[in-house]
C-alpha atoms as a PDB file:
ATOM      1  CA  MET A   1     -18.187 -53.342   2.342  1.00  0.00           C
ATOM      2  CA  ARG A   2     -21.635 -54.894   2.530  1.00  0.00           C
ATOM      3  CA  CYS A   3     -24.579 -54.003   4.596  1.00  0.00           C
ATOM      4  CA  GLN A   4     -25.358 -56.710   7.119  1.00  0.00           C
ATOM      5  CA  HIS A   5     -29.132 -56.283   6.875  1.00  0.00           C
ATOM      6  CA  PHE A   6     -29.418 -57.536   3.305  1.00  0.00           C
ATOM      7  CA  LYS A   7     -27.803 -60.908   3.330  1.00  0.00           C
ATOM      8  CA  ARG A   8     -28.363 -63.148   0.386  1.00  0.00           C
ATOM      9  CA  THR A   9     -30.596 -65.914   1.511  1.00  0.00           C
ATOM     10  CA  PRO A  10     -32.508 -68.286  -0.750  1.00  0.00           C
ATOM     11  CA  VAL A  11     -36.129 -67.304  -1.137  1.00  0.00           C
ATOM     12  CA  ARG A  12     -38.469 -69.932   0.217  1.00  0.00           C
ATOM     13  CA  LEU A  13     -42.122 -69.759  -0.461  1.00  0.00           C
ATOM     14  CA  GLY A  14     -44.277 -70.958   2.310  1.00  0.00           C
ATOM     15  CA  ALA A  15     -46.933 -73.590   1.737  1.00  0.00           C
ATOM     16  CA  PHE A  16     -49.576 -70.872   1.754  1.00  0.00           C
ATOM     17  CA  MET A  17     -47.874 -68.921  -1.051  1.00  0.00           C
ATOM     18  CA  ARG A  18     -47.301 -72.033  -3.178  1.00  0.00           C
ATOM     19  CA  LYS A  19     -50.961 -72.985  -2.818  1.00  0.00           C
ATOM     20  CA  ARG A  20     -52.116 -69.462  -3.668  1.00  0.00           C
ATOM     21  CA  CYS A  21     -49.880 -69.310  -6.720  1.00  0.00           C
ATOM     22  CA  ALA A  22     -51.187 -72.677  -7.963  1.00  0.00           C
ATOM     23  CA  THR A  23     -54.764 -71.535  -7.392  1.00  0.00           C
ATOM     24  CA  ASN A  24     -54.158 -68.366  -9.402  1.00  0.00           C
ATOM     25  CA  ILE A  25     -52.643 -70.352 -12.255  1.00  0.00           C
ATOM     26  CA  TRP A  26     -55.598 -72.782 -12.354  1.00  0.00           C
ATOM     27  CA  LEU A  27     -58.099 -69.936 -12.158  1.00  0.00           C
ATOM     28  CA  THR A  28     -56.415 -68.116 -15.040  1.00  0.00           C
ATOM     29  CA  PHE A  29     -56.329 -71.325 -17.075  1.00  0.00           C
ATOM     30  CA  ALA A  30     -60.031 -72.017 -16.381  1.00  0.00           C
ATOM     31  CA  LEU A  31     -61.050 -68.478 -17.363  1.00  0.00           C
ATOM     32  CA  LEU A  32     -59.032 -68.752 -20.560  1.00  0.00           C
ATOM     33  CA  ILE A  33     -60.732 -72.047 -21.486  1.00  0.00           C
ATOM     34  CA  LEU A  34     -64.190 -70.636 -20.699  1.00  0.00           C
ATOM     35  CA  GLY A  35     -63.458 -67.543 -22.745  1.00  0.00           C
ATOM     36  CA  LEU A  36     -62.357 -69.573 -25.738  1.00  0.00           C
ATOM     37  CA  CYS A  37     -65.395 -71.853 -25.529  1.00  0.00           C
ATOM     38  CA  GLY A  38     -67.783 -68.918 -25.285  1.00  0.00           C
ATOM     39  CA  CYS A  39     -66.467 -67.135 -28.369  1.00  0.00           C
ATOM     40  CA  ASP A  40     -68.400 -68.928 -31.090  1.00  0.00           C
ATOM     41  CA  LYS A  41     -68.722 -66.529 -33.999  1.00  0.00           C
ATOM     42  CA  SER A  42     -70.609 -68.964 -36.220  1.00  0.00           C
ATOM     43  CA  THR A  43     -74.015 -68.254 -34.677  1.00  0.00           C
ATOM     44  CA  GLN A  44     -76.014 -65.710 -36.600  1.00  0.00           C
ATOM     45  CA  PRO A  45     -79.377 -64.227 -35.662  1.00  0.00           C
ATOM     46  CA  LEU A  46     -82.260 -65.970 -37.337  1.00  0.00           C
ATOM     47  CA  PRO A  47     -83.724 -64.097 -40.287  1.00  0.00           C
ATOM     48  CA  LEU A  48     -87.126 -62.464 -40.101  1.00  0.00           C
ATOM     49  CA  LEU A  49     -90.063 -64.301 -41.589  1.00  0.00           C
ATOM     50  CA  ALA A  50     -91.929 -62.889 -44.546  1.00  0.00           C
ATOM     51  CA  ALA A  51     -95.551 -62.092 -43.719  1.00  0.00           C
ATOM     52  CA  GLU A  52     -96.708 -64.776 -46.165  1.00  0.00           C
ATOM     53  CA  GLN A  53     -94.584 -67.439 -44.442  1.00  0.00           C
ATOM     54  CA  ILE A  54     -95.820 -66.813 -40.899  1.00  0.00           C
ATOM     55  CA  PRO A  55     -99.153 -68.712 -41.136  1.00  0.00           C
ATOM     56  CA  THR A  56     -97.661 -71.857 -42.688  1.00  0.00           C
ATOM     57  CA  GLU A  57     -94.678 -71.882 -40.317  1.00  0.00           C
ATOM     58  CA  LEU A  58     -96.940 -71.419 -37.297  1.00  0.00           C
ATOM     59  CA  GLN A  59     -99.208 -74.259 -38.432  1.00  0.00           C
ATOM     60  CA  LYS A  60     -96.205 -76.540 -38.937  1.00  0.00           C
ATOM     61  CA  ALA A  61     -94.664 -75.721 -35.559  1.00  0.00           C
ATOM     62  CA  PHE A  62     -97.897 -75.955 -33.550  1.00  0.00           C
ATOM     63  CA  ARG A  63     -99.605 -78.899 -35.277  1.00  0.00           C
ATOM     64  CA  LYS A  64     -98.910 -81.196 -32.299  1.00  0.00           C
ATOM     65  CA  ALA A  65     -99.678 -78.565 -29.676  1.00  0.00           C
ATOM     66  CA  LYS A  66    -102.658 -78.460 -27.366  1.00  0.00           C
ATOM     67  CA  PRO A  67    -106.026 -77.595 -28.941  1.00  0.00           C
ATOM     68  CA  GLU A  68    -106.137 -74.261 -27.100  1.00  0.00           C
ATOM     69  CA  LEU A  69    -102.847 -73.232 -28.693  1.00  0.00           C
ATOM     70  CA  ASN A  70    -104.026 -74.411 -32.112  1.00  0.00           C
ATOM     71  CA  ASN A  71    -107.042 -72.144 -31.703  1.00  0.00           C
ATOM     72  CA  VAL A  72    -104.746 -69.202 -30.935  1.00  0.00           C
ATOM     73  CA  VAL A  73    -102.607 -70.028 -33.992  1.00  0.00           C
ATOM     74  CA  ALA A  74    -105.733 -70.206 -36.181  1.00  0.00           C
ATOM     75  CA  GLN A  75    -106.858 -66.828 -34.838  1.00  0.00           C
ATOM     76  CA  ILE A  76    -103.418 -65.301 -35.525  1.00  0.00           C
ATOM     77  CA  ASN A  77    -103.466 -66.694 -39.065  1.00  0.00           C
ATOM     78  CA  SER A  78    -106.901 -65.233 -39.784  1.00  0.00           C
ATOM     79  CA  GLU A  79    -105.768 -61.858 -38.412  1.00  0.00           C
ATOM     80  CA  LEU A  80    -102.709 -61.956 -40.647  1.00  0.00           C
ATOM     81  CA  GLN A  81    -104.856 -62.727 -43.690  1.00  0.00           C
ATOM     82  CA  SER A  82    -107.068 -59.752 -42.909  1.00  0.00           C
ATOM     83  CA  LYS A  83    -103.929 -57.635 -42.289  1.00  0.00           C
ATOM     84  CA  ASP A  84    -104.935 -56.946 -38.690  1.00  0.00           C
ATOM     85  CA  TYR A  85    -101.320 -56.870 -37.536  1.00  0.00           C
ATOM     86  CA  ALA A  86    -102.117 -55.324 -34.169  1.00  0.00           C
ATOM     87  CA  SER A  87    -104.277 -58.263 -33.105  1.00  0.00           C
ATOM     88  CA  ALA A  88    -101.846 -60.783 -34.587  1.00  0.00           C
ATOM     89  CA  TYR A  89     -99.051 -59.146 -32.607  1.00  0.00           C
ATOM     90  CA  GLN A  90    -100.995 -59.518 -29.375  1.00  0.00           C
ATOM     91  CA  GLY A  91    -101.725 -63.175 -30.153  1.00  0.00           C
ATOM     92  CA  LEU A  92     -98.060 -63.869 -30.777  1.00  0.00           C
ATOM     93  CA  GLN A  93     -97.131 -62.147 -27.533  1.00  0.00           C
ATOM     94  CA  PHE A  94     -99.492 -64.527 -25.778  1.00  0.00           C
ATOM     95  CA  LEU A  95     -97.876 -67.516 -27.526  1.00  0.00           C
ATOM     96  CA  THR A  96     -94.385 -66.500 -26.413  1.00  0.00           C
ATOM     97  CA  SER A  97     -95.565 -66.265 -22.801  1.00  0.00           C
ATOM     98  CA  VAL A  98     -97.038 -69.795 -22.687  1.00  0.00           C
ATOM     99  CA  PRO A  99     -94.699 -71.808 -20.441  1.00  0.00           C
ATOM    100  CA  ASP A 100     -95.166 -75.272 -21.956  1.00  0.00           C
ATOM    101  CA  ILE A 101     -94.300 -74.634 -25.611  1.00  0.00           C
ATOM    102  CA  THR A 102     -91.081 -75.991 -27.106  1.00  0.00           C
ATOM    103  CA  GLU A 103     -87.998 -73.897 -27.755  1.00  0.00           C
ATOM    104  CA  GLU A 104     -88.579 -74.220 -31.501  1.00  0.00           C
ATOM    105  CA  GLN A 105     -92.130 -72.895 -31.119  1.00  0.00           C
ATOM    106  CA  ARG A 106     -90.972 -70.032 -28.915  1.00  0.00           C
ATOM    107  CA  THR A 107     -88.221 -69.079 -31.381  1.00  0.00           C
ATOM    108  CA  LEU A 108     -90.659 -69.124 -34.293  1.00  0.00           C
ATOM    109  CA  ALA A 109     -93.154 -66.983 -32.386  1.00  0.00           C
ATOM    110  CA  ALA A 110     -90.396 -64.496 -31.541  1.00  0.00           C
ATOM    111  CA  ARG A 111     -89.280 -64.321 -35.183  1.00  0.00           C
ATOM    112  CA  ALA A 112     -92.890 -63.752 -36.237  1.00  0.00           C
ATOM    113  CA  LEU A 113     -93.220 -61.024 -33.583  1.00  0.00           C
ATOM    114  CA  LEU A 114     -90.220 -59.202 -35.003  1.00  0.00           C
ATOM    115  CA  SER A 115     -91.608 -59.479 -38.518  1.00  0.00           C
ATOM    116  CA  ILE A 116     -95.012 -58.198 -37.474  1.00  0.00           C
ATOM    117  CA  ASN A 117     -93.377 -55.383 -35.526  1.00  0.00           C
ATOM    118  CA  GLY A 118     -91.844 -54.223 -38.810  1.00  0.00           C
ATOM    119  CA  LEU A 119     -95.254 -54.471 -40.482  1.00  0.00           C
ATOM    120  CA  LEU A 120     -96.778 -52.439 -37.655  1.00  0.00           C
ATOM    121  CA  GLN A 121     -94.165 -49.744 -38.129  1.00  0.00           C
ATOM    122  CA  THR A 122     -94.929 -49.628 -41.835  1.00  0.00           C
ATOM    123  CA  ALA A 123     -98.666 -49.423 -41.113  1.00  0.00           C
ATOM    124  CA  GLN A 124     -98.043 -46.643 -38.600  1.00  0.00           C
ATOM    125  CA  ALA A 125     -96.079 -44.690 -41.193  1.00  0.00           C
ATOM    126  CA  GLN A 126     -99.071 -45.007 -43.524  1.00  0.00           C
ATOM    127  CA  GLY A 127    -101.391 -43.557 -40.873  1.00  0.00           C
ATOM    128  CA  ASP A 128    -102.845 -46.680 -39.214  1.00  0.00           C
ATOM    129  CA  GLN A 129    -103.942 -45.502 -35.751  1.00  0.00           C
ATOM    130  CA  LYS A 130    -104.378 -49.009 -34.307  1.00  0.00           C
ATOM    131  CA  ALA A 131    -100.787 -49.887 -35.269  1.00  0.00           C
ATOM    132  CA  ALA A 132     -99.577 -46.632 -33.716  1.00  0.00           C
ATOM    133  CA  GLU A 133    -101.400 -47.434 -30.473  1.00  0.00           C
ATOM    134  CA  VAL A 134     -99.918 -50.933 -30.286  1.00  0.00           C
ATOM    135  CA  LEU A 135     -96.388 -49.628 -30.859  1.00  0.00           C
ATOM    136  CA  LYS A 136     -96.889 -46.871 -28.285  1.00  0.00           C
ATOM    137  CA  PHE A 137     -98.205 -49.409 -25.773  1.00  0.00           C
ATOM    138  CA  GLN A 138     -95.262 -51.678 -26.508  1.00  0.00           C
ATOM    139  CA  GLN A 139     -92.741 -48.887 -25.860  1.00  0.00           C
ATOM    140  CA  ARG A 140     -94.393 -47.847 -22.600  1.00  0.00           C
ATOM    141  CA  ASN A 141     -94.502 -51.384 -21.208  1.00  0.00           C
ATOM    142  CA  ARG A 142     -91.019 -52.618 -21.992  1.00  0.00           C
END
């Protein structure tokens, strides 16, 4: 004997349910494609620059820049030659904040900043008070 309430009737999805199911399938497919495109493992972080390379690389990258920026680059290079890493660091921070430099110039300035940050840490470990102040200031104003 069968219960009358549970008759076997074919299941019919309404137009709303069919549309929702199709939307979910397309959304899942789109997220899968975006996820696969975003997973590029071939990109590696750029290596740090050696302190000796920074002046020549900066001159190469900024040779066609505005005269004001060339003056800043010349000042940074002279500070690097005199091993005044604290002042060179501040000059490079200024360069990275200039809005009209190219992406290549900005990337180079950021790489140089990271290199000089390491030099500042070394100088701090050797007792350089100016380097210690710059690093302390940097940590407070992040």
